[in-house]
C-alpha atoms as a PDB file:
ATOM      1  CA  MET A   1      28.198   2.845   7.860  1.00  0.00           C
ATOM      2  CA  ARG A   2      27.673   5.797  10.177  1.00  0.00           C
ATOM      3  CA  LEU A   3      28.289   8.141   7.269  1.00  0.00           C
ATOM      4  CA  LEU A   4      25.543   6.401   5.307  1.00  0.00           C
ATOM      5  CA  TYR A   5      23.092   6.732   8.197  1.00  0.00           C
ATOM      6  CA  LEU A   6      24.031  10.374   8.671  1.00  0.00           C
ATOM      7  CA  THR A   7      23.546  11.048   4.956  1.00  0.00           C
ATOM      8  CA  ILE A   8      20.121   9.393   4.956  1.00  0.00           C
ATOM      9  CA  ILE A   9      18.992  11.283   8.060  1.00  0.00           C
ATOM     10  CA  LEU A  10      20.303  14.570   6.684  1.00  0.00           C
ATOM     11  CA  GLY A  11      18.579  13.923   3.353  1.00  0.00           C
ATOM     12  CA  LEU A  12      15.267  13.170   5.047  1.00  0.00           C
ATOM     13  CA  PHE A  13      15.620  16.321   7.146  1.00  0.00           C
ATOM     14  CA  VAL A  14      16.301  18.441   4.074  1.00  0.00           C
ATOM     15  CA  VAL A  15      13.380  16.935   2.175  1.00  0.00           C
ATOM     16  CA  THR A  16      11.045  17.283   5.132  1.00  0.00           C
ATOM     17  CA  PHE A  17      11.769  20.745   6.432  1.00  0.00           C
ATOM     18  CA  LEU A  18      13.444  22.766   3.692  1.00  0.00           C
ATOM     19  CA  PRO A  19      11.559  23.990   0.639  1.00  0.00           C
ATOM     20  CA  VAL A  20      12.182  22.133  -2.594  1.00  0.00           C
ATOM     21  CA  THR A  21      12.612  23.934  -5.887  1.00  0.00           C
ATOM     22  CA  THR A  22       9.508  25.317  -7.534  1.00  0.00           C
ATOM     23  CA  ALA A  23      10.055  23.165 -10.623  1.00  0.00           C
ATOM     24  CA  PHE A  24       7.362  20.821  -9.340  1.00  0.00           C
ATOM     25  CA  GLN A  25       4.611  23.272 -10.261  1.00  0.00           C
ATOM     26  CA  SER A  26       5.973  25.304 -13.159  1.00  0.00           C
ATOM     27  CA  VAL A  27       4.305  24.286 -16.424  1.00  0.00           C
ATOM     28  CA  ASP A  28       6.616  24.146 -19.456  1.00  0.00           C
ATOM     29  CA  LEU A  29       4.886  22.541 -22.421  1.00  0.00           C
ATOM     30  CA  ASP A  30       8.071  22.670 -24.511  1.00  0.00           C
ATOM     31  CA  ASN A  31       9.664  20.114 -22.166  1.00  0.00           C
ATOM     32  CA  SER A  32       6.730  17.714 -21.880  1.00  0.00           C
ATOM     33  CA  LEU A  33       7.328  13.959 -21.640  1.00  0.00           C
ATOM     34  CA  LEU A  34      11.116  14.162 -21.724  1.00  0.00           C
ATOM     35  CA  PRO A  35      13.058  11.016 -20.817  1.00  0.00           C
ATOM     36  CA  PRO A  36      15.431  11.001 -17.837  1.00  0.00           C
ATOM     37  CA  SER A  37      18.551  13.131 -18.334  1.00  0.00           C
ATOM     38  CA  ILE A  38      21.104  15.079 -16.310  1.00  0.00           C
ATOM     39  CA  LYS A  39      18.785  18.105 -16.141  1.00  0.00           C
ATOM     40  CA  HIS A  40      15.685  16.021 -15.307  1.00  0.00           C
ATOM     41  CA  PRO A  41      16.777  12.876 -13.382  1.00  0.00           C
ATOM     42  CA  MET A  42      13.340  11.227 -13.607  1.00  0.00           C
ATOM     43  CA  GLY A  43      12.094  12.980 -16.735  1.00  0.00           C
ATOM     44  CA  THR A  44       9.082  15.244 -17.069  1.00  0.00           C
ATOM     45  CA  ASP A  45       5.330  14.688 -17.195  1.00  0.00           C
ATOM     46  CA  GLU A  46       2.837  15.736 -19.860  1.00  0.00           C
ATOM     47  CA  LEU A  47       2.830  19.343 -18.613  1.00  0.00           C
ATOM     48  CA  GLY A  48       6.620  19.598 -18.549  1.00  0.00           C
ATOM     49  CA  ARG A  49       6.915  19.480 -14.765  1.00  0.00           C
ATOM     50  CA  GLU A  50       9.948  17.742 -13.329  1.00  0.00           C
ATOM     51  CA  ILE A  51       8.958  14.399 -11.789  1.00  0.00           C
ATOM     52  CA  TYR A  52      11.947  14.207  -9.422  1.00  0.00           C
ATOM     53  CA  SER A  53      11.079  17.463  -7.644  1.00  0.00           C
ATOM     54  CA  ARG A  54       7.431  16.409  -7.433  1.00  0.00           C
ATOM     55  CA  VAL A  55       8.439  13.100  -5.825  1.00  0.00           C
ATOM     56  CA  LEU A  56      10.651  14.946  -3.319  1.00  0.00           C
ATOM     57  CA  ARG A  57       7.804  17.331  -2.541  1.00  0.00           C
ATOM     58  CA  GLY A  58       5.430  14.403  -1.923  1.00  0.00           C
ATOM     59  CA  LEU A  59       8.040  12.648   0.226  1.00  0.00           C
ATOM     60  CA  GLY A  60       8.440  15.766   2.353  1.00  0.00           C
ATOM     61  CA  LEU A  61       4.693  16.070   2.841  1.00  0.00           C
ATOM     62  CA  SER A  62       4.367  12.382   3.744  1.00  0.00           C
ATOM     63  CA  LEU A  63       7.193  12.629   6.257  1.00  0.00           C
ATOM     64  CA  ARG A  64       5.694  15.739   7.882  1.00  0.00           C
ATOM     65  CA  VAL A  65       2.308  14.040   8.235  1.00  0.00           C
ATOM     66  CA  SER A  66       3.848  10.855   9.647  1.00  0.00           C
ATOM     67  CA  ILE A  67       5.972  12.806  12.145  1.00  0.00           C
ATOM     68  CA  ALA A  68       2.899  14.750  13.275  1.00  0.00           C
ATOM     69  CA  ALA A  69       0.880  11.521  13.669  1.00  0.00           C
ATOM     70  CA  TRP A  70       3.725   9.877  15.585  1.00  0.00           C
ATOM     71  CA  PHE A  71       4.035  12.864  17.923  1.00  0.00           C
ATOM     72  CA  ALA A  72       0.266  13.032  18.500  1.00  0.00           C
ATOM     73  CA  ALA A  73       0.151   9.304  19.317  1.00  0.00           C
ATOM     74  CA  LEU A  74       3.120   9.709  21.658  1.00  0.00           C
ATOM     75  CA  VAL A  75       1.548  12.587  23.579  1.00  0.00           C
ATOM     76  CA  LEU A  76      -1.880  10.951  23.748  1.00  0.00           C
ATOM     77  CA  GLY A  77      -0.428   7.593  24.800  1.00  0.00           C
ATOM     78  CA  LEU A  78       1.731   9.158  27.501  1.00  0.00           C
ATOM     79  CA  PHE A  79      -1.202  11.148  28.822  1.00  0.00           C
ATOM     80  CA  ILE A  80      -3.638   8.225  28.910  1.00  0.00           C
ATOM     81  CA  GLY A  81      -0.988   5.842  30.271  1.00  0.00           C
ATOM     82  CA  SER A  82      -0.056   8.295  33.004  1.00  0.00           C
ATOM     83  CA  LEU A  83      -3.679   8.718  34.044  1.00  0.00           C
ATOM     84  CA  ALA A  84      -4.233   4.951  34.032  1.00  0.00           C
ATOM     85  CA  GLY A  85      -1.080   4.447  36.109  1.00  0.00           C
ATOM     86  CA  TYR A  86      -2.032   7.149  38.580  1.00  0.00           C
ATOM     87  CA  PHE A  87      -5.557   5.838  39.118  1.00  0.00           C
ATOM     88  CA  VAL A  88      -4.603   2.155  39.521  1.00  0.00           C
ATOM     89  CA  ASN A  89      -7.641  -0.126  40.000  1.00  0.00           C
ATOM     90  CA  GLY A  90      -9.965   2.806  39.408  1.00  0.00           C
ATOM     91  CA  TRP A  91     -12.639   3.135  36.754  1.00  0.00           C
ATOM     92  CA  PHE A  92     -10.272   4.849  34.311  1.00  0.00           C
ATOM     93  CA  ASP A  93      -7.642   2.121  34.579  1.00  0.00           C
ATOM     94  CA  LYS A  94     -10.251  -0.573  34.052  1.00  0.00           C
ATOM     95  CA  THR A  95     -11.689   1.275  31.047  1.00  0.00           C
ATOM     96  CA  VAL A  96      -8.251   1.647  29.440  1.00  0.00           C
ATOM     97  CA  ASN A  97      -7.503  -2.035  30.036  1.00  0.00           C
ATOM     98  CA  TRP A  98     -10.867  -2.991  28.544  1.00  0.00           C
ATOM     99  CA  VAL A  99     -10.249  -0.895  25.418  1.00  0.00           C
ATOM    100  CA  ILE A 100      -6.757  -2.359  24.974  1.00  0.00           C
ATOM    101  CA  SER A 101      -8.078  -5.907  25.433  1.00  0.00           C
ATOM    102  CA  LEU A 102     -10.809  -5.205  22.886  1.00  0.00           C
ATOM    103  CA  ALA A 103      -8.213  -3.915  20.423  1.00  0.00           C
ATOM    104  CA  TYR A 104      -6.167  -7.104  20.875  1.00  0.00           C
ATOM    105  CA  ILE A 105      -9.196  -9.320  20.311  1.00  0.00           C
ATOM    106  CA  LEU A 106     -10.242  -7.742  17.030  1.00  0.00           C
ATOM    107  CA  PRO A 107      -8.205  -8.553  13.922  1.00  0.00           C
ATOM    108  CA  PHE A 108      -5.810  -5.872  12.784  1.00  0.00           C
ATOM    109  CA  MET A 109      -7.421  -5.648   9.345  1.00  0.00           C
ATOM    110  CA  PHE A 110     -10.622  -4.470  11.010  1.00  0.00           C
ATOM    111  CA  PHE A 111      -8.967  -1.140  11.807  1.00  0.00           C
ATOM    112  CA  LEU A 112      -7.762  -0.540   8.282  1.00  0.00           C
END
């Protein structure tokens, strides 16, 4: 089981941080709309671009954006939480508590 987790984490790292082949953008009209095969695991689109490499490229971009958003939320939350904890019963602490209470009152779908 650990080997499976390690393989998944390593695969996500490779997709996220290492460049994928350039087959996702090279146009080859001779190979347009090919079905899945050994050479093209997910086939090709109407311009002959390999779908598998395009999916990996999109996955890498999505993971980079989500990691950046997670890190930004972590830093901002730690900073605001530290300030609210330092100034206990001050105006900043009361403001943060009011904003959090307001966020809990409103339905979650409101923020989407």
